[in-house]
Protein backbone atom coordinates (compact mmCIF):
# COMPACT_ATOMS: atom_id res chain seq x y z
CA UNK A 1 23.98 15.16 -8.49
CA UNK A 2 20.65 17.11 -8.54
CA UNK A 3 17.81 14.72 -9.18
CA UNK A 4 14.35 16.05 -10.14
CA UNK A 5 11.12 14.91 -11.57
CA UNK A 6 8.18 16.81 -12.91
CA UNK A 7 6.25 18.68 -10.16
CA UNK A 8 2.41 18.11 -10.24
CA UNK A 9 1.46 19.97 -7.22
CA UNK A 10 3.24 22.81 -5.30
CA UNK A 11 3.82 22.20 -1.60
CA UNK A 12 2.64 24.83 0.98
CA UNK A 13 5.51 24.89 3.26
CA UNK A 14 3.35 26.28 6.05
CA UNK A 15 1.39 22.95 6.09
CA UNK A 16 4.45 20.63 5.60
CA UNK A 17 7.47 19.20 7.15
CA UNK A 18 10.87 20.29 6.20
CA UNK A 19 12.84 17.22 5.80
CA UNK A 20 16.06 18.29 3.80
CA UNK A 21 17.81 20.25 1.43
CA UNK A 22 19.10 19.64 -2.12
CA UNK A 23 22.72 20.20 -2.91
CA UNK A 24 21.84 23.80 -4.13
CA UNK A 25 20.40 24.35 -0.58
CA UNK A 26 16.71 24.28 -1.77
CA UNK A 27 14.39 23.24 1.11
CA UNK A 28 12.43 20.19 0.56
CA UNK A 29 9.09 19.59 2.36
CA UNK A 30 6.55 16.80 2.75
CA UNK A 31 3.02 17.81 3.06
CA UNK A 32 1.26 17.33 6.29
CA UNK A 33 -1.52 15.64 4.43
CA UNK A 34 0.90 13.34 2.54
CA UNK A 35 -0.44 9.78 1.93
CA UNK A 36 1.52 7.28 3.91
CA UNK A 37 5.39 7.64 4.04
CA UNK A 38 7.99 4.82 3.78
CA UNK A 39 11.57 5.31 5.14
CA UNK A 40 14.38 2.89 4.82
CA UNK A 41 18.07 3.42 5.93
CA UNK A 42 20.51 1.18 7.61
CA UNK A 43 21.96 1.57 11.03
CA UNK A 44 23.54 4.95 11.36
CA UNK A 45 22.21 6.45 8.11
CA UNK A 46 20.33 9.20 9.77
CA UNK A 47 16.71 7.72 9.92
CA UNK A 48 16.12 8.96 13.53
CA UNK A 49 17.14 12.39 12.48
CA UNK A 50 14.53 12.34 9.72
CA UNK A 51 11.86 11.13 12.02
CA UNK A 52 12.65 13.83 14.43
CA UNK A 53 11.51 16.34 11.78
CA UNK A 54 8.17 14.95 11.69
CA UNK A 55 8.04 14.68 15.51
CA UNK A 56 8.98 18.35 15.84
CA UNK A 57 6.44 19.51 13.15
CA UNK A 58 3.65 17.52 14.59
CA UNK A 59 4.26 18.79 18.21
CA UNK A 60 4.69 22.28 17.10
CA UNK A 61 1.71 22.66 15.01
CA UNK A 62 -0.77 20.64 17.18
CA UNK A 63 -0.86 17.69 14.87
CA UNK A 64 -2.04 14.36 16.44
CA UNK A 65 0.96 12.24 17.24
CA UNK A 66 1.38 8.57 18.30
CA UNK A 67 4.81 6.99 17.99
CA UNK A 68 5.88 3.19 18.41
CA UNK A 69 9.56 2.93 18.99
CA UNK A 70 10.19 -0.65 18.05
CA UNK A 71 13.81 -0.30 18.91
CA UNK A 72 13.53 0.87 22.47
CA UNK A 73 16.66 3.15 22.52
CA UNK A 74 16.67 5.74 25.44
CA UNK A 75 20.02 7.38 24.80
CA UNK A 76 20.71 10.83 23.45
CA UNK A 77 19.07 11.15 20.18
CA UNK A 78 16.38 8.59 20.75
CA UNK A 79 12.95 9.12 19.81
CA UNK A 80 12.21 9.22 23.57
CA UNK A 81 14.55 12.18 23.98
CA UNK A 82 13.32 14.01 20.91
CA UNK A 83 9.81 13.62 21.70
CA UNK A 84 10.16 14.88 25.47
CA UNK A 85 12.34 17.68 24.18
CA UNK A 86 9.74 18.71 21.62
CA UNK A 87 6.83 18.29 24.14
CA UNK A 88 8.58 20.63 26.68
CA UNK A 89 9.43 23.10 24.11
CA UNK A 90 5.88 23.46 22.55
CA UNK A 91 3.98 22.77 25.74
CA UNK A 92 2.20 19.47 24.56
CA UNK A 93 1.22 16.86 27.17
CA UNK A 94 3.05 13.60 26.63
CA UNK A 95 2.34 9.86 27.63
CA UNK A 96 5.34 7.43 27.45
CA UNK A 97 4.31 3.74 27.90
CA UNK A 98 7.82 2.45 28.39
CA UNK A 99 8.86 -1.10 28.61
CA UNK A 100 12.33 0.06 29.60
CA UNK A 101 10.98 1.62 32.71
CA UNK A 102 7.62 0.11 33.59
CA UNK A 103 7.59 1.60 37.10
CA UNK A 104 7.50 5.14 35.77
CA UNK A 105 5.69 4.35 32.72
CA UNK A 106 2.32 5.88 31.76
CA UNK A 107 -0.34 3.29 32.49
CA UNK A 108 -2.24 1.79 29.52
CA UNK A 109 -5.73 0.29 29.12
CA UNK A 110 -6.33 -0.61 25.49
CA UNK A 111 -9.53 -2.61 26.33
CA UNK A 112 -11.33 0.39 27.92
CA UNK A 113 -13.32 1.32 25.00
CA UNK A 114 -12.74 -1.76 22.90
CA UNK A 115 -15.74 -4.14 21.36
CA UNK A 116 -15.52 -7.66 22.60
CA UNK A 117 -14.13 -8.88 19.37
CA UNK A 118 -11.35 -6.18 19.36
CA UNK A 119 -10.63 -6.86 23.06
CA UNK A 120 -10.34 -10.65 22.20
CA UNK A 121 -8.00 -9.91 19.45
CA UNK A 122 -5.77 -7.57 21.52
CA UNK A 123 -5.51 -10.41 24.20
CA UNK A 124 -4.66 -13.04 21.74
CA UNK A 125 -2.00 -11.04 19.95
CA UNK A 126 -0.09 -10.81 23.41
CA UNK A 127 1.24 -14.14 22.73
CA UNK A 128 2.73 -16.24 19.91
CA UNK A 129 0.70 -19.35 18.83
CA UNK A 130 2.11 -22.45 17.03
CA UNK A 131 -1.06 -24.42 16.93
CA UNK A 132 -4.12 -22.87 15.25
CA UNK A 133 -6.47 -25.13 16.73
CA UNK A 134 -5.50 -24.19 20.25
CA UNK A 135 -5.51 -20.58 19.31
CA UNK A 136 -9.06 -20.75 17.89
CA UNK A 137 -10.47 -22.52 20.99
CA UNK A 138 -8.80 -19.99 23.20
CA UNK A 139 -10.30 -17.17 21.18
CA UNK A 140 -13.66 -18.54 21.64
CA UNK A 141 -13.34 -19.00 25.22
CA UNK A 142 -11.96 -15.53 25.78
CA UNK A 143 -14.56 -13.80 23.57
CA UNK A 144 -17.19 -15.52 25.94
CA UNK A 145 -15.52 -14.30 29.00
CA UNK A 146 -15.50 -10.84 27.67
CA UNK A 147 -19.15 -10.76 26.61
CA UNK A 148 -20.24 -12.01 30.12
CA UNK A 149 -17.99 -9.34 31.70
CA UNK A 150 -19.65 -6.74 29.57
CA UNK A 151 -23.01 -7.99 30.69
CA UNK A 152 -21.86 -7.59 34.25
CA UNK A 153 -20.60 -4.12 33.51
CA UNK A 154 -17.14 -5.17 34.54
CA UNK A 155 -14.50 -2.55 33.25
CA UNK A 156 -12.39 -4.48 30.86
CA UNK A 157 -8.65 -4.49 31.47
CA UNK A 158 -5.71 -6.78 30.86
CA UNK A 159 -5.74 -7.90 34.48
CA UNK A 160 -9.63 -8.07 34.79
CA UNK A 161 -9.85 -10.47 31.67
CA UNK A 162 -7.11 -12.55 33.11
CA UNK A 163 -8.94 -12.82 36.33
CA UNK A 164 -12.27 -14.01 34.85
CA UNK A 165 -10.47 -16.39 32.52
CA UNK A 166 -10.15 -18.64 35.42
CA UNK A 167 -12.85 -21.43 34.99
CA UNK A 168 -13.90 -20.83 38.54
CA UNK A 169 -14.38 -17.25 38.46
CA UNK A 170 -16.05 -17.28 34.93
CA UNK A 171 -18.57 -20.00 36.49
CA UNK A 172 -19.27 -17.75 39.39
CA UNK A 173 -19.92 -14.74 37.39
CA UNK A 174 -22.23 -16.68 35.05
CA UNK A 175 -24.07 -18.10 37.94
CA UNK A 176 -24.44 -14.59 39.45
CA UNK A 177 -25.75 -13.09 36.30
CA UNK A 178 -28.32 -15.88 35.76
CA UNK A 179 -29.52 -15.36 39.46
CA UNK A 180 -29.96 -11.76 38.79
CA UNK A 181 -31.81 -12.59 35.50
CA UNK A 182 -29.16 -10.69 33.42
CA UNK A 183 -28.63 -13.77 31.41
CA UNK A 184 -31.01 -16.71 30.75
CA UNK A 185 -30.72 -20.15 32.13
CA UNK A 186 -29.92 -21.38 28.66
CA UNK A 187 -27.04 -18.86 28.25
CA UNK A 188 -25.60 -19.86 31.67
CA UNK A 189 -25.93 -23.53 30.57
CA UNK A 190 -23.94 -22.60 27.45
CA UNK A 191 -21.19 -20.94 29.47
CA UNK A 192 -20.91 -24.04 31.89
CA UNK A 193 -20.64 -26.51 28.79
CA UNK A 194 -17.94 -24.21 27.32
CA UNK A 195 -16.03 -24.13 30.84
CA UNK A 196 -16.35 -27.96 30.99
CA UNK A 197 -14.99 -28.54 27.42
CA UNK A 198 -12.41 -25.95 27.55
CA UNK A 199 -11.08 -26.25 31.10
CA UNK A 200 -7.76 -27.33 30.14
CA UNK A 201 -7.35 -24.70 27.35
CA UNK A 202 -8.74 -22.06 29.83
CA UNK A 203 -6.20 -22.89 32.57
CA UNK A 204 -3.35 -22.90 29.97
CA UNK A 205 -4.31 -19.51 28.58
CA UNK A 206 -4.83 -17.96 32.00
CA UNK A 207 -1.29 -19.22 33.01
CA UNK A 208 0.13 -17.89 29.63
CA UNK A 209 -1.26 -14.34 30.13
CA UNK A 210 -0.83 -14.35 33.90
CA UNK A 211 2.88 -14.67 33.23
CA UNK A 212 2.92 -11.36 31.49
CA UNK A 213 0.45 -9.68 34.10
CA UNK A 214 2.65 -10.76 36.90
CA UNK A 215 5.82 -9.64 35.42
CA UNK A 216 7.42 -6.14 35.71
CA UNK A 217 5.62 -5.33 32.44
CA UNK A 218 2.28 -6.10 34.06
CA UNK A 219 2.67 -2.68 35.71
CA UNK A 220 2.03 -0.91 32.44
CA UNK A 221 -1.47 -2.27 32.19
CA UNK A 222 -4.01 -0.54 34.54
CA UNK A 223 -7.81 -0.28 34.46
CA UNK A 224 -7.54 3.53 34.82
CA UNK A 225 -4.79 3.78 32.16
CA UNK A 226 -5.01 5.71 28.94
CA UNK A 227 -6.81 4.77 25.91
CA UNK A 228 -5.32 6.09 22.57
CA UNK A 229 -8.45 7.70 21.15
CA UNK A 230 -9.03 9.75 24.45
CA UNK A 231 -5.26 10.79 24.48
CA UNK A 232 -5.14 11.99 20.88
CA UNK A 233 -8.48 13.85 21.29
CA UNK A 234 -7.16 15.68 24.27
CA UNK A 235 -4.13 16.98 22.23
CA UNK A 236 -1.58 14.65 24.13
CA UNK A 237 1.36 12.98 22.29
CA UNK A 238 1.70 9.13 22.85
CA UNK A 239 4.96 7.23 22.69
CA UNK A 240 5.14 3.53 23.11
CA UNK A 241 8.76 2.24 23.82
CA UNK A 242 9.23 -1.35 23.18
CA UNK A 243 12.29 -3.41 24.53
CA UNK A 244 12.84 -6.08 21.81
CA UNK A 245 16.39 -6.91 23.24
CA UNK A 246 15.46 -8.11 26.76
CA UNK A 247 11.68 -8.97 26.18
CA UNK A 248 11.41 -9.94 22.39
CA UNK A 249 8.04 -11.88 22.60
CA UNK A 250 6.41 -9.38 24.83
CA UNK A 251 7.53 -6.54 22.88
CA UNK A 252 6.01 -8.10 19.72
CA UNK A 253 2.78 -8.69 21.68
CA UNK A 254 2.64 -5.15 23.06
CA UNK A 255 3.35 -3.68 19.53
CA UNK A 256 0.52 -5.78 17.98
CA UNK A 257 -1.87 -4.79 20.82
CA UNK A 258 -0.99 -1.08 20.32
CA UNK A 259 -1.58 -1.44 16.42
CA UNK A 260 -5.02 -2.96 17.10
CA UNK A 261 -5.68 -0.22 19.68
CA UNK A 262 -4.86 2.38 17.07
CA UNK A 263 -7.33 0.90 14.63
CA UNK A 264 -9.95 0.95 17.26
CA UNK A 265 -9.03 4.77 17.85
CA UNK A 266 -9.14 5.54 14.15
CA UNK A 267 -12.53 4.05 13.79
CA UNK A 268 -13.95 6.94 15.89
CA UNK A 269 -12.11 9.47 13.84
CA UNK A 270 -13.52 9.30 10.38
CA UNK A 271 -14.88 12.59 9.33
CA UNK A 272 -12.47 14.53 11.60
CA UNK A 273 -10.58 17.36 9.98
CA UNK A 274 -7.68 16.86 12.51
CA UNK A 275 -4.38 15.63 11.15
CA UNK A 276 -2.72 12.84 12.74
CA UNK A 277 0.71 11.47 12.33
CA UNK A 278 1.25 7.69 13.37
CA UNK A 279 5.14 7.01 13.40
CA UNK A 280 6.00 3.41 13.14
CA UNK A 281 9.75 3.02 13.86
CA UNK A 282 11.22 -0.44 13.20
CA UNK A 283 7.76 -1.66 12.14
CA UNK A 284 9.14 -5.01 11.16
CA UNK A 285 9.50 -5.65 15.05
CA UNK A 286 5.61 -5.82 15.37
CA UNK A 287 4.58 -6.75 11.72
CA UNK A 288 1.07 -8.23 11.40
CA UNK A 289 -1.97 -8.31 9.25
CA UNK A 290 -3.40 -5.65 11.41
CA UNK A 291 -0.70 -3.31 10.44
CA UNK A 292 -1.59 -3.76 6.73
CA UNK A 293 -5.10 -3.07 7.70
CA UNK A 294 -4.21 0.16 9.43
CA UNK A 295 -2.37 1.26 6.37
CA UNK A 296 -5.47 0.49 4.24
CA UNK A 297 -8.06 2.09 6.29
CA UNK A 298 -6.53 5.20 8.08
CA UNK A 299 -6.15 7.58 5.23
CA UNK A 300 -9.77 8.63 5.22
CA UNK A 301 -9.56 9.38 8.90
CA UNK A 302 -6.85 12.08 8.34
CA UNK A 303 -3.95 9.87 9.26
CA UNK A 304 -0.45 9.65 7.80
CA UNK A 305 1.34 6.49 8.58
CA UNK A 306 5.24 7.12 8.68
CA UNK A 307 6.81 3.67 8.57
CA UNK A 308 10.53 3.17 8.99
CA UNK A 309 12.91 0.24 8.70
CA UNK A 310 16.52 -0.44 8.30
CA UNK A 311 16.18 -2.56 5.28
CA UNK A 312 13.63 -4.31 3.06
CA UNK A 313 14.95 -7.56 4.15
CA UNK A 314 13.89 -6.67 7.74
CA UNK A 315 10.31 -6.44 6.40
CA UNK A 316 10.69 -10.00 4.45
CA UNK A 317 12.18 -11.75 7.27
CA UNK A 318 9.52 -10.45 9.66
CA UNK A 319 6.32 -11.14 7.68
CA UNK A 320 7.22 -12.12 4.20
CA UNK A 321 7.54 -10.48 0.73
CA UNK A 322 3.67 -10.21 0.40
CA UNK A 323 3.59 -8.06 3.62
CA UNK A 324 6.52 -5.76 2.27
CA UNK A 325 4.79 -5.24 -0.91
CA UNK A 326 1.49 -4.45 0.73
CA UNK A 327 3.23 -1.81 2.97
CA UNK A 328 5.13 -0.34 -0.02
CA UNK A 329 1.89 -0.29 -2.23
CA UNK A 330 -0.02 1.74 0.42
CA UNK A 331 2.64 4.36 0.79
CA UNK A 332 2.84 7.10 -1.68
CA UNK A 333 6.08 8.77 -0.32
CA UNK A 334 9.44 7.35 0.00
CA UNK A 335 12.74 8.26 1.71
CA UNK A 336 15.51 5.93 0.66
CA UNK A 337 18.76 6.42 2.76
CA UNK A 338 21.99 4.20 2.69
CA UNK A 339 21.57 0.46 2.21
CA UNK A 340 24.35 -2.06 2.80
CA UNK A 341 23.06 -5.21 1.12
CA UNK A 342 23.12 -5.12 -2.56
CA UNK A 343 19.66 -6.61 -2.91
CA UNK A 344 18.18 -4.05 -0.63
CA UNK A 345 20.17 -1.25 -2.64
CA UNK A 346 18.53 -2.71 -5.92
CA UNK A 347 14.90 -2.96 -4.55
CA UNK A 348 15.17 0.67 -3.36
CA UNK A 349 16.45 1.84 -6.75
CA UNK A 350 13.44 0.05 -8.22
CA UNK A 351 11.08 1.94 -5.93
CA UNK A 352 12.65 5.26 -7.09
CA UNK A 353 12.14 4.26 -10.59
CA UNK A 354 13.83 4.55 -13.91
CA UNK A 355 14.24 7.31 -16.63
CA UNK A 356 14.69 7.12 -20.41
CA UNK A 357 17.92 8.13 -21.81
CA UNK A 358 19.69 8.02 -25.22
CA UNK A 359 22.57 5.49 -25.30
CA UNK A 360 24.90 6.10 -28.08
CA UNK A 361 27.65 3.55 -29.35
CA UNK A 362 30.49 3.89 -31.59
CA UNK A 363 32.65 1.62 -33.77
CA UNK A 364 36.30 1.36 -33.03
CA UNK A 365 38.83 1.13 -35.86
CA UNK A 366 42.56 1.00 -34.94
CA UNK A 367 41.71 2.25 -31.62
CA UNK A 368 40.04 5.30 -32.97
CA UNK A 369 36.34 6.17 -33.02
CA UNK A 370 34.65 6.03 -36.45
CA UNK A 371 31.45 7.86 -37.48
CA UNK A 372 29.74 4.61 -37.49
CA UNK A 373 27.54 3.41 -34.37
CA UNK A 374 24.00 3.24 -33.15
CA UNK A 375 21.71 5.25 -30.90
CA UNK A 376 18.85 3.80 -28.87
CA UNK A 377 16.64 4.63 -26.05
CA UNK A 378 17.22 2.79 -22.75
CA UNK A 379 15.88 2.96 -19.31
CA UNK A 380 18.26 3.54 -16.41
CA UNK A 381 17.64 3.82 -12.60
CA UNK A 382 17.17 7.42 -11.43
CA UNK A 383 19.51 6.61 -8.70
CA UNK A 384 21.76 3.53 -9.09
CA UNK A 385 21.89 0.87 -6.47
CA UNK A 386 25.66 1.50 -6.10
CA UNK A 387 25.09 5.05 -5.30
CA UNK A 388 22.38 4.23 -2.65
CA UNK A 389 25.17 1.96 -1.05
CA UNK A 390 27.47 4.80 -0.88
CA UNK A 391 25.25 7.47 0.52
CA UNK A 392 26.92 9.46 3.39
CA UNK A 393 25.20 9.67 6.74
CA UNK A 394 22.14 11.96 6.46
CA UNK A 395 22.01 11.58 2.53
CA UNK A 396 18.91 10.25 0.64
CA UNK A 397 16.36 10.39 -1.90
CA UNK A 398 12.83 11.70 -1.30
CA UNK A 399 10.20 10.41 -3.83
CA UNK A 400 6.72 11.71 -3.51
CA UNK A 401 4.06 10.45 -5.71
CA UNK A 402 1.70 12.97 -4.18
CA UNK A 403 3.63 15.90 -5.68
CA UNK A 404 5.37 14.12 -8.46
CA UNK A 405 8.84 15.16 -7.14
CA UNK A 406 11.99 13.23 -6.61
CA UNK A 407 15.03 14.95 -5.04
CA UNK A 408 18.32 13.91 -3.66
CA UNK A 409 18.56 15.63 -0.21
CA UNK A 410 20.62 16.03 2.91
CA UNK A 411 18.32 15.38 5.92
CA UNK A 412 17.65 18.63 7.98
CA UNK A 413 18.64 18.43 11.73
CA UNK A 414 15.81 20.19 13.57
CA UNK A 415 17.88 19.98 16.95
């Protein structure tokens, strides 16, 4: 079946990613300057192969590239292997922050160039919070600690912030700054009052974050580790490999921290003519309001977010229907691959839309058609949910609202 809609804009294939071919062998491209892209395909549908096209194109053509692999595979065909292969082939430097291999992982310091509010948000998002009151008081305490560290010109890092979260260390730092007249006596007294009223909260928060810092994952964080903006500006590719199977809570925390760090980097990229791809595989694994904000704000910084999930249900379960709708609304290009669940298939069919057709009915008399009947205009799915459920591996539909084009495709294999 050849599916096609009206084309509003031709695609410059020299500035686009080849993603597949139609049944008639026509190549289908997604423009490099595409507004955000949403991909959905169940396990084994070929989603990883599709993402490898964007990875290869970005690495080859010096497009900025950052990837978060929410699944954490390291086997043949994984995003890790594909990215390494592309980097070696096209001589692009690569940083891999790898939860599966923290000892050999690139080091990461998301706090290096962060404002005190952003730094506080990164630290807070490293843990789950069930009591908002406790979270808010911890946020207040951490933000004051970071403010004081900045005055003392102490380089922010995950480990250094935890060190000064200790009430004793915070008090000694505040006292030193007051003695050196870097803060007023009144400011020092405010710090002492906060330490006194928040001592229990501070100790619990310190212990909570120290548990991460002192684990094997703590090796990933280092004061001299990379920050995303500097890495991307230098032309490097950055890949974060999470480990949701063995470390689910820490993976979620790191994923959210990276999203906030990306937002910080993008705030410095407005006005840049350089194109950047942010590939967010299994984005439901680190869903948060910050992710929606990233989608909202990044287009004008030359960023295309490429989000991928196995099913719509994954998004709903992770962050709710409103979150899923915001991600879909902020995307302008969609690749729908095989779905197993009927509800997911129907939702994907609705995204692809409907077309108007003429429906003819005939009256039957003695098991024979008569000349009597009706004709009416009806709307039908462009791709029926049952067809979506029956797609073969590597089959899908690409809908681009950027170009007004809709094609059923076979995903191209770049390797």
